[in-house]
Amino acid sequence: MIKKRMFLLLGILMFIAAAGAQAETRFGVRAGASIDPNQFHFGGHMVSAPLLANLTFRPNLEIGVGSGITTLAANFEVAYGIPIPKRDLAFYIGAGPALNIYRIGASRVQDGSTDAGGGFNILVGIERPNGLMGEIKVGMIDSPEFKFTIGYTF
């Protein structure tokens, strides 16, 4: 019951953030790999209209699978974009808190355990507007230690 309420609250927060910046809000898909836990992850992201010059809200939701663990990561990150002159590219750097839910050791024959914890991420990436993106993320506390992600923003 608590998990359902957390997911509902996260969904409402993401919807409110998107509604406030509806004109320039973009959405995308992402996938990649993480270390500690060693997993493949996939999910979706949102990029808000600029909150300030070059500063955007970039929440994302990722599901990780592997190492006998299933991870649900809700990341609430803010990033500062650094345009590359004469190129249709931009670097970005950012950080933000995360909520991570881990389901450990569940199978058809045995129940697993569930653990939830907060984390914090620092990230750097490169992107094309309305196109491909690549991102490296370093996590602290209960976040995966390292993530490499590629994605596409529509």
N, C-alpha and C. Protein backbone atom coordinates (compact mmCIF):
# COMPACT_ATOMS: atom_id res chain seq x y z
N MET A 1 0.82 -1.19 0.00
CA MET A 1 0.00 0.00 0.00
C MET A 1 0.87 1.26 0.00
N ILE A 2 1.96 1.22 0.77
CA ILE A 2 2.84 2.39 0.84
C ILE A 2 3.48 2.64 -0.52
N LYS A 3 3.87 1.56 -1.23
CA LYS A 3 4.48 1.72 -2.56
C LYS A 3 3.51 2.38 -3.53
N LYS A 4 2.26 1.97 -3.49
CA LYS A 4 1.27 2.56 -4.39
C LYS A 4 1.12 4.05 -4.12
N ARG A 5 1.11 4.42 -2.86
CA ARG A 5 0.99 5.85 -2.51
C ARG A 5 2.21 6.64 -2.96
N MET A 6 3.42 6.04 -2.81
CA MET A 6 4.64 6.72 -3.26
C MET A 6 4.61 6.93 -4.76
N PHE A 7 4.22 5.91 -5.52
CA PHE A 7 4.15 6.03 -6.98
C PHE A 7 3.12 7.08 -7.38
N LEU A 8 1.99 7.11 -6.72
CA LEU A 8 0.96 8.10 -7.01
C LEU A 8 1.49 9.50 -6.74
N LEU A 9 2.16 9.69 -5.60
CA LEU A 9 2.72 11.00 -5.26
C LEU A 9 3.78 11.42 -6.28
N LEU A 10 4.66 10.50 -6.67
CA LEU A 10 5.68 10.81 -7.68
C LEU A 10 5.05 11.20 -9.00
N GLY A 11 4.02 10.47 -9.41
CA GLY A 11 3.33 10.79 -10.65
C GLY A 11 2.69 12.16 -10.61
N ILE A 12 2.06 12.50 -9.49
CA ILE A 12 1.43 13.81 -9.34
C ILE A 12 2.48 14.91 -9.40
N LEU A 13 3.62 14.73 -8.72
CA LEU A 13 4.69 15.73 -8.74
C LEU A 13 5.23 15.95 -10.15
N MET A 14 5.44 14.87 -10.89
CA MET A 14 5.93 15.00 -12.27
C MET A 14 4.89 15.69 -13.15
N PHE A 15 3.61 15.39 -12.95
CA PHE A 15 2.55 16.02 -13.73
C PHE A 15 2.48 17.51 -13.44
N ILE A 16 2.58 17.89 -12.17
CA ILE A 16 2.54 19.31 -11.81
C ILE A 16 3.72 20.05 -12.42
N ALA A 17 4.91 19.45 -12.35
CA ALA A 17 6.08 20.09 -12.94
C ALA A 17 5.91 20.26 -14.45
N ALA A 18 5.35 19.26 -15.10
CA ALA A 18 5.15 19.33 -16.55
C ALA A 18 4.09 20.36 -16.91
N ALA A 19 3.03 20.44 -16.14
CA ALA A 19 1.96 21.38 -16.44
C ALA A 19 2.43 22.82 -16.33
N GLY A 20 3.33 23.09 -15.39
CA GLY A 20 3.83 24.45 -15.20
C GLY A 20 4.68 24.93 -16.35
N ALA A 21 5.31 24.04 -17.06
CA ALA A 21 6.20 24.43 -18.15
C ALA A 21 5.76 23.77 -19.46
N GLN A 22 4.47 23.71 -19.67
CA GLN A 22 3.90 22.92 -20.75
C GLN A 22 4.38 23.34 -22.14
N ALA A 23 4.59 24.61 -22.38
CA ALA A 23 4.91 25.09 -23.72
C ALA A 23 6.19 24.47 -24.28
N GLU A 24 7.22 24.35 -23.47
CA GLU A 24 8.50 23.86 -23.97
C GLU A 24 8.92 22.54 -23.33
N THR A 25 8.03 21.88 -22.67
CA THR A 25 8.37 20.61 -22.03
C THR A 25 8.55 19.54 -23.09
N ARG A 26 9.63 18.77 -22.94
CA ARG A 26 9.93 17.68 -23.87
C ARG A 26 10.03 16.38 -23.07
N PHE A 27 9.70 15.28 -23.72
CA PHE A 27 9.76 13.97 -23.08
C PHE A 27 10.67 13.06 -23.89
N GLY A 28 11.19 12.02 -23.24
CA GLY A 28 12.07 11.11 -23.95
C GLY A 28 12.16 9.75 -23.31
N VAL A 29 12.91 8.89 -23.96
CA VAL A 29 13.16 7.54 -23.47
C VAL A 29 14.66 7.38 -23.26
N ARG A 30 15.03 6.43 -22.39
CA ARG A 30 16.44 6.23 -22.04
C ARG A 30 16.70 4.79 -21.68
N ALA A 31 17.96 4.38 -21.85
CA ALA A 31 18.38 3.03 -21.46
C ALA A 31 19.89 3.05 -21.24
N GLY A 32 20.38 2.12 -20.44
CA GLY A 32 21.81 2.08 -20.19
C GLY A 32 22.19 0.99 -19.21
N ALA A 33 23.34 1.19 -18.60
CA ALA A 33 23.88 0.21 -17.66
C ALA A 33 24.34 0.92 -16.39
N SER A 34 24.28 0.19 -15.28
CA SER A 34 24.74 0.75 -14.01
C SER A 34 25.71 -0.22 -13.34
N ILE A 35 26.50 0.33 -12.43
CA ILE A 35 27.44 -0.45 -11.63
C ILE A 35 27.07 -0.27 -10.17
N ASP A 36 27.01 -1.36 -9.44
CA ASP A 36 26.69 -1.42 -8.01
C ASP A 36 25.32 -0.83 -7.71
N PRO A 37 24.26 -1.52 -8.10
CA PRO A 37 24.23 -2.88 -8.63
C PRO A 37 24.49 -2.91 -10.13
N ASN A 38 25.03 -4.05 -10.61
CA ASN A 38 25.29 -4.24 -12.03
C ASN A 38 23.96 -4.56 -12.70
N GLN A 39 23.45 -3.60 -13.46
CA GLN A 39 22.12 -3.76 -14.04
C GLN A 39 22.02 -3.09 -15.41
N PHE A 40 21.03 -3.53 -16.17
CA PHE A 40 20.56 -2.83 -17.36
C PHE A 40 19.38 -2.00 -16.88
N HIS A 41 19.29 -0.73 -17.30
CA HIS A 41 18.14 0.08 -16.91
C HIS A 41 17.50 0.72 -18.13
N PHE A 42 16.21 1.03 -17.98
CA PHE A 42 15.45 1.69 -19.04
C PHE A 42 14.39 2.54 -18.37
N GLY A 43 13.88 3.54 -19.09
CA GLY A 43 12.86 4.39 -18.52
C GLY A 43 12.54 5.58 -19.40
N GLY A 44 12.02 6.61 -18.76
CA GLY A 44 11.63 7.82 -19.46
C GLY A 44 12.08 9.05 -18.70
N HIS A 45 12.11 10.18 -19.41
CA HIS A 45 12.51 11.43 -18.78
C HIS A 45 11.70 12.59 -19.33
N MET A 46 11.77 13.69 -18.62
CA MET A 46 11.14 14.94 -19.00
C MET A 46 12.19 16.03 -18.92
N VAL A 47 12.15 16.98 -19.84
CA VAL A 47 13.01 18.16 -19.77
C VAL A 47 12.08 19.36 -19.79
N SER A 48 12.09 20.15 -18.71
CA SER A 48 11.18 21.29 -18.60
C SER A 48 11.65 22.46 -19.45
N ALA A 49 10.78 23.43 -19.60
CA ALA A 49 11.19 24.72 -20.14
C ALA A 49 12.21 25.30 -19.17
N PRO A 50 13.09 26.18 -19.63
CA PRO A 50 14.08 26.74 -18.70
C PRO A 50 13.43 27.40 -17.48
N LEU A 51 13.92 27.03 -16.30
CA LEU A 51 13.47 27.66 -15.06
C LEU A 51 14.14 29.02 -14.92
N LEU A 52 15.41 29.08 -15.24
CA LEU A 52 16.23 30.28 -15.35
C LEU A 52 17.03 30.09 -16.64
N ALA A 53 17.87 31.03 -16.98
CA ALA A 53 18.66 30.89 -18.21
C ALA A 53 19.44 29.58 -18.18
N ASN A 54 19.16 28.69 -19.12
CA ASN A 54 19.85 27.41 -19.31
C ASN A 54 19.68 26.41 -18.17
N LEU A 55 18.81 26.65 -17.20
CA LEU A 55 18.59 25.74 -16.08
C LEU A 55 17.25 25.04 -16.26
N THR A 56 17.27 23.70 -16.34
CA THR A 56 16.04 22.94 -16.55
C THR A 56 15.84 21.90 -15.45
N PHE A 57 14.59 21.55 -15.23
CA PHE A 57 14.22 20.46 -14.33
C PHE A 57 14.13 19.21 -15.20
N ARG A 58 14.82 18.13 -14.81
CA ARG A 58 14.91 16.91 -15.62
C ARG A 58 14.57 15.67 -14.80
N PRO A 59 13.34 15.51 -14.36
CA PRO A 59 13.01 14.28 -13.63
C PRO A 59 13.03 13.08 -14.57
N ASN A 60 13.38 11.94 -14.03
CA ASN A 60 13.35 10.72 -14.83
C ASN A 60 13.01 9.53 -13.94
N LEU A 61 12.44 8.53 -14.57
CA LEU A 61 12.04 7.31 -13.88
C LEU A 61 12.71 6.16 -14.61
N GLU A 62 13.47 5.34 -13.87
CA GLU A 62 14.22 4.25 -14.47
C GLU A 62 13.94 2.95 -13.73
N ILE A 63 13.87 1.87 -14.49
CA ILE A 63 13.73 0.53 -13.93
C ILE A 63 15.00 -0.22 -14.28
N GLY A 64 15.65 -0.78 -13.26
CA GLY A 64 16.88 -1.54 -13.46
C GLY A 64 16.66 -3.01 -13.16
N VAL A 65 17.25 -3.88 -13.99
CA VAL A 65 17.14 -5.32 -13.77
C VAL A 65 18.52 -5.96 -13.89
N GLY A 66 18.78 -6.94 -13.02
CA GLY A 66 20.05 -7.66 -13.04
C GLY A 66 20.57 -7.88 -11.65
N SER A 67 21.51 -8.81 -11.49
CA SER A 67 22.13 -9.14 -10.21
C SER A 67 21.13 -9.59 -9.17
N GLY A 68 20.00 -10.18 -9.60
CA GLY A 68 18.99 -10.64 -8.65
C GLY A 68 18.22 -9.53 -7.98
N ILE A 69 18.30 -8.31 -8.54
CA ILE A 69 17.67 -7.13 -7.95
C ILE A 69 16.87 -6.42 -9.03
N THR A 70 15.69 -5.92 -8.67
CA THR A 70 14.94 -5.03 -9.55
C THR A 70 14.91 -3.67 -8.86
N THR A 71 15.29 -2.63 -9.59
CA THR A 71 15.38 -1.29 -9.03
C THR A 71 14.39 -0.36 -9.71
N LEU A 72 13.71 0.45 -8.92
CA LEU A 72 12.91 1.55 -9.45
C LEU A 72 13.53 2.82 -8.91
N ALA A 73 14.03 3.67 -9.81
CA ALA A 73 14.69 4.91 -9.40
C ALA A 73 13.90 6.10 -9.92
N ALA A 74 13.45 6.95 -9.02
CA ALA A 74 12.80 8.21 -9.38
C ALA A 74 13.80 9.32 -9.06
N ASN A 75 14.30 9.98 -10.10
CA ASN A 75 15.34 10.99 -9.95
C ASN A 75 14.76 12.37 -10.24
N PHE A 76 15.03 13.32 -9.37
CA PHE A 76 14.50 14.68 -9.49
C PHE A 76 15.66 15.64 -9.67
N GLU A 77 16.19 15.69 -10.88
CA GLU A 77 17.44 16.39 -11.13
C GLU A 77 17.21 17.73 -11.83
N VAL A 78 18.14 18.63 -11.57
CA VAL A 78 18.18 19.94 -12.22
C VAL A 78 19.50 20.01 -12.96
N ALA A 79 19.47 20.54 -14.20
CA ALA A 79 20.70 20.59 -15.00
C ALA A 79 20.88 21.97 -15.61
N TYR A 80 22.14 22.35 -15.75
CA TYR A 80 22.51 23.61 -16.38
C TYR A 80 23.12 23.30 -17.75
N GLY A 81 22.53 23.82 -18.81
CA GLY A 81 22.99 23.56 -20.16
C GLY A 81 24.08 24.53 -20.59
N ILE A 82 25.09 24.01 -21.28
CA ILE A 82 26.20 24.82 -21.79
C ILE A 82 26.25 24.61 -23.30
N PRO A 83 25.66 25.53 -24.09
CA PRO A 83 25.65 25.36 -25.55
C PRO A 83 27.07 25.35 -26.12
N ILE A 84 27.27 24.55 -27.16
CA ILE A 84 28.55 24.51 -27.87
C ILE A 84 28.42 25.43 -29.08
N PRO A 85 29.22 26.50 -29.16
CA PRO A 85 29.09 27.45 -30.27
C PRO A 85 29.23 26.76 -31.63
N LYS A 86 28.43 27.20 -32.58
CA LYS A 86 28.44 26.73 -33.97
C LYS A 86 28.13 25.25 -34.11
N ARG A 87 27.54 24.66 -33.10
CA ARG A 87 27.15 23.24 -33.14
C ARG A 87 25.71 23.12 -32.64
N ASP A 88 25.03 22.10 -33.08
CA ASP A 88 23.68 21.83 -32.60
C ASP A 88 23.76 20.84 -31.43
N LEU A 89 24.67 21.15 -30.49
CA LEU A 89 24.92 20.30 -29.32
C LEU A 89 25.01 21.17 -28.08
N ALA A 90 24.78 20.56 -26.94
CA ALA A 90 24.98 21.25 -25.66
C ALA A 90 25.45 20.23 -24.63
N PHE A 91 26.39 20.65 -23.80
CA PHE A 91 26.76 19.89 -22.62
C PHE A 91 25.80 20.29 -21.51
N TYR A 92 25.63 19.44 -20.53
CA TYR A 92 24.90 19.84 -19.33
C TYR A 92 25.51 19.16 -18.12
N ILE A 93 25.41 19.86 -17.01
CA ILE A 93 25.85 19.33 -15.72
C ILE A 93 24.69 19.51 -14.75
N GLY A 94 24.57 18.62 -13.80
CA GLY A 94 23.45 18.74 -12.90
C GLY A 94 23.57 17.84 -11.69
N ALA A 95 22.52 17.89 -10.88
CA ALA A 95 22.47 17.10 -9.66
C ALA A 95 21.03 17.08 -9.16
N GLY A 96 20.77 16.16 -8.25
CA GLY A 96 19.46 16.13 -7.64
C GLY A 96 19.23 14.89 -6.79
N PRO A 97 18.17 14.94 -5.99
CA PRO A 97 17.84 13.82 -5.11
C PRO A 97 17.17 12.69 -5.88
N ALA A 98 17.15 11.52 -5.26
CA ALA A 98 16.53 10.34 -5.87
C ALA A 98 15.81 9.52 -4.81
N LEU A 99 14.78 8.83 -5.24
CA LEU A 99 14.12 7.83 -4.42
C LEU A 99 14.34 6.50 -5.11
N ASN A 100 14.96 5.55 -4.42
CA ASN A 100 15.30 4.25 -5.00
C ASN A 100 14.60 3.14 -4.23
N ILE A 101 13.90 2.29 -4.97
CA ILE A 101 13.21 1.15 -4.37
C ILE A 101 13.84 -0.11 -4.96
N TYR A 102 14.35 -0.97 -4.09
CA TYR A 102 15.02 -2.20 -4.51
C TYR A 102 14.19 -3.40 -4.11
N ARG A 103 13.95 -4.30 -5.06
CA ARG A 103 13.29 -5.59 -4.79
C ARG A 103 14.38 -6.64 -4.95
N ILE A 104 14.71 -7.31 -3.85
CA ILE A 104 15.87 -8.21 -3.81
C ILE A 104 15.42 -9.66 -3.71
N GLY A 105 15.95 -10.50 -4.60
CA GLY A 105 15.79 -11.94 -4.49
C GLY A 105 14.41 -12.51 -4.67
N ALA A 106 13.51 -11.84 -5.36
CA ALA A 106 12.17 -12.39 -5.55
C ALA A 106 12.19 -13.39 -6.70
N SER A 107 11.50 -14.51 -6.52
CA SER A 107 11.35 -15.50 -7.59
C SER A 107 9.98 -16.15 -7.46
N ARG A 108 9.69 -17.08 -8.37
CA ARG A 108 8.40 -17.77 -8.30
C ARG A 108 8.29 -18.67 -7.08
N VAL A 109 9.42 -19.08 -6.52
CA VAL A 109 9.38 -20.03 -5.40
C VAL A 109 9.70 -19.39 -4.05
N GLN A 110 10.17 -18.18 -4.03
CA GLN A 110 10.46 -17.56 -2.73
C GLN A 110 10.16 -16.07 -2.79
N ASP A 111 9.76 -15.55 -1.64
CA ASP A 111 9.51 -14.12 -1.53
C ASP A 111 10.83 -13.39 -1.37
N GLY A 112 10.90 -12.20 -1.90
CA GLY A 112 12.09 -11.39 -1.73
C GLY A 112 11.83 -10.31 -0.70
N SER A 113 12.78 -9.43 -0.57
CA SER A 113 12.61 -8.30 0.34
C SER A 113 12.63 -7.01 -0.47
N THR A 114 12.00 -6.00 0.06
CA THR A 114 11.95 -4.70 -0.59
C THR A 114 12.59 -3.68 0.34
N ASP A 115 13.41 -2.82 -0.24
CA ASP A 115 14.08 -1.78 0.52
C ASP A 115 13.95 -0.47 -0.25
N ALA A 116 13.70 0.61 0.45
CA ALA A 116 13.60 1.93 -0.18
C ALA A 116 14.56 2.87 0.53
N GLY A 117 15.16 3.75 -0.24
CA GLY A 117 16.08 4.71 0.36
C GLY A 117 16.29 5.91 -0.54
N GLY A 118 16.73 6.96 0.07
CA GLY A 118 17.03 8.18 -0.67
C GLY A 118 18.44 8.16 -1.20
N GLY A 119 18.66 8.91 -2.23
CA GLY A 119 19.99 9.01 -2.82
C GLY A 119 20.22 10.40 -3.36
N PHE A 120 21.38 10.60 -3.94
CA PHE A 120 21.71 11.87 -4.57
C PHE A 120 22.59 11.57 -5.77
N ASN A 121 22.33 12.25 -6.88
CA ASN A 121 23.07 12.02 -8.12
C ASN A 121 23.76 13.30 -8.60
N ILE A 122 24.93 13.12 -9.18
CA ILE A 122 25.64 14.18 -9.90
C ILE A 122 25.80 13.67 -11.33
N LEU A 123 25.50 14.52 -12.31
CA LEU A 123 25.49 14.05 -13.68
C LEU A 123 26.14 15.04 -14.64
N VAL A 124 26.60 14.48 -15.76
CA VAL A 124 27.12 15.27 -16.87
C VAL A 124 26.63 14.59 -18.14
N GLY A 125 26.28 15.39 -19.14
CA GLY A 125 25.77 14.80 -20.36
C GLY A 125 25.99 15.70 -21.56
N ILE A 126 25.64 15.16 -22.71
CA ILE A 126 25.68 15.90 -23.97
C ILE A 126 24.40 15.56 -24.72
N GLU A 127 23.82 16.56 -25.40
CA GLU A 127 22.56 16.33 -26.08
C GLU A 127 22.41 17.19 -27.32
N ARG A 128 21.58 16.71 -28.21
CA ARG A 128 21.10 17.49 -29.35
C ARG A 128 19.68 17.90 -28.99
N PRO A 129 19.29 19.13 -29.26
CA PRO A 129 17.89 19.51 -28.98
C PRO A 129 16.95 18.59 -29.76
N ASN A 130 15.95 18.08 -29.10
CA ASN A 130 15.01 17.15 -29.71
C ASN A 130 15.72 16.02 -30.44
N GLY A 131 16.65 15.38 -29.74
CA GLY A 131 17.40 14.30 -30.37
C GLY A 131 18.13 13.43 -29.37
N LEU A 132 19.24 12.88 -29.82
CA LEU A 132 20.03 11.96 -29.00
C LEU A 132 20.65 12.65 -27.79
N MET A 133 20.81 11.87 -26.73
CA MET A 133 21.50 12.36 -25.54
C MET A 133 22.32 11.22 -24.95
N GLY A 134 23.40 11.58 -24.27
CA GLY A 134 24.21 10.63 -23.53
C GLY A 134 24.51 11.22 -22.17
N GLU A 135 24.52 10.40 -21.13
CA GLU A 135 24.64 10.92 -19.77
C GLU A 135 25.44 9.95 -18.91
N ILE A 136 26.27 10.52 -18.05
CA ILE A 136 26.99 9.76 -17.04
C ILE A 136 26.55 10.29 -15.68
N LYS A 137 26.23 9.37 -14.78
CA LYS A 137 25.69 9.74 -13.48
C LYS A 137 26.48 9.04 -12.39
N VAL A 138 26.87 9.77 -11.35
CA VAL A 138 27.51 9.21 -10.17
C VAL A 138 26.52 9.35 -9.03
N GLY A 139 26.22 8.22 -8.37
CA GLY A 139 25.24 8.22 -7.30
C GLY A 139 25.86 8.07 -5.92
N MET A 140 25.18 8.65 -4.95
CA MET A 140 25.62 8.57 -3.56
C MET A 140 24.46 8.07 -2.70
N ILE A 141 24.77 7.71 -1.49
CA ILE A 141 23.83 7.20 -0.50
C ILE A 141 23.24 5.89 -1.05
N ASP A 142 21.94 5.82 -1.35
CA ASP A 142 21.32 4.58 -1.84
C ASP A 142 21.12 4.55 -3.35
N SER A 143 21.74 5.45 -4.09
CA SER A 143 21.65 5.41 -5.56
C SER A 143 22.73 4.50 -6.13
N PRO A 144 22.50 3.91 -7.32
CA PRO A 144 23.57 3.14 -7.96
C PRO A 144 24.82 4.01 -8.10
N GLU A 145 26.00 3.41 -7.90
CA GLU A 145 27.25 4.18 -7.87
C GLU A 145 27.58 4.86 -9.18
N PHE A 146 27.28 4.21 -10.31
CA PHE A 146 27.65 4.77 -11.61
C PHE A 146 26.62 4.32 -12.65
N LYS A 147 26.20 5.24 -13.51
CA LYS A 147 25.28 4.90 -14.59
C LYS A 147 25.75 5.55 -15.88
N PHE A 148 25.65 4.80 -16.96
CA PHE A 148 25.86 5.34 -18.30
C PHE A 148 24.54 5.15 -19.04
N THR A 149 24.01 6.24 -19.59
CA THR A 149 22.70 6.20 -20.21
C THR A 149 22.74 6.87 -21.58
N ILE A 150 22.03 6.29 -22.54
CA ILE A 150 21.78 6.97 -23.80
C ILE A 150 20.27 7.07 -23.96
N GLY A 151 19.83 8.07 -24.72
CA GLY A 151 18.40 8.24 -24.87
C GLY A 151 18.06 9.13 -26.04
N TYR A 152 16.78 9.38 -26.18
CA TYR A 152 16.27 10.24 -27.24
C TYR A 152 15.18 11.11 -26.64
N THR A 153 15.28 12.42 -26.87
CA THR A 153 14.29 13.38 -26.39
C THR A 153 13.49 13.87 -27.59
N PHE A 154 12.18 13.80 -27.50
CA PHE A 154 11.29 14.18 -28.61
C PHE A 154 10.95 15.65 -28.57
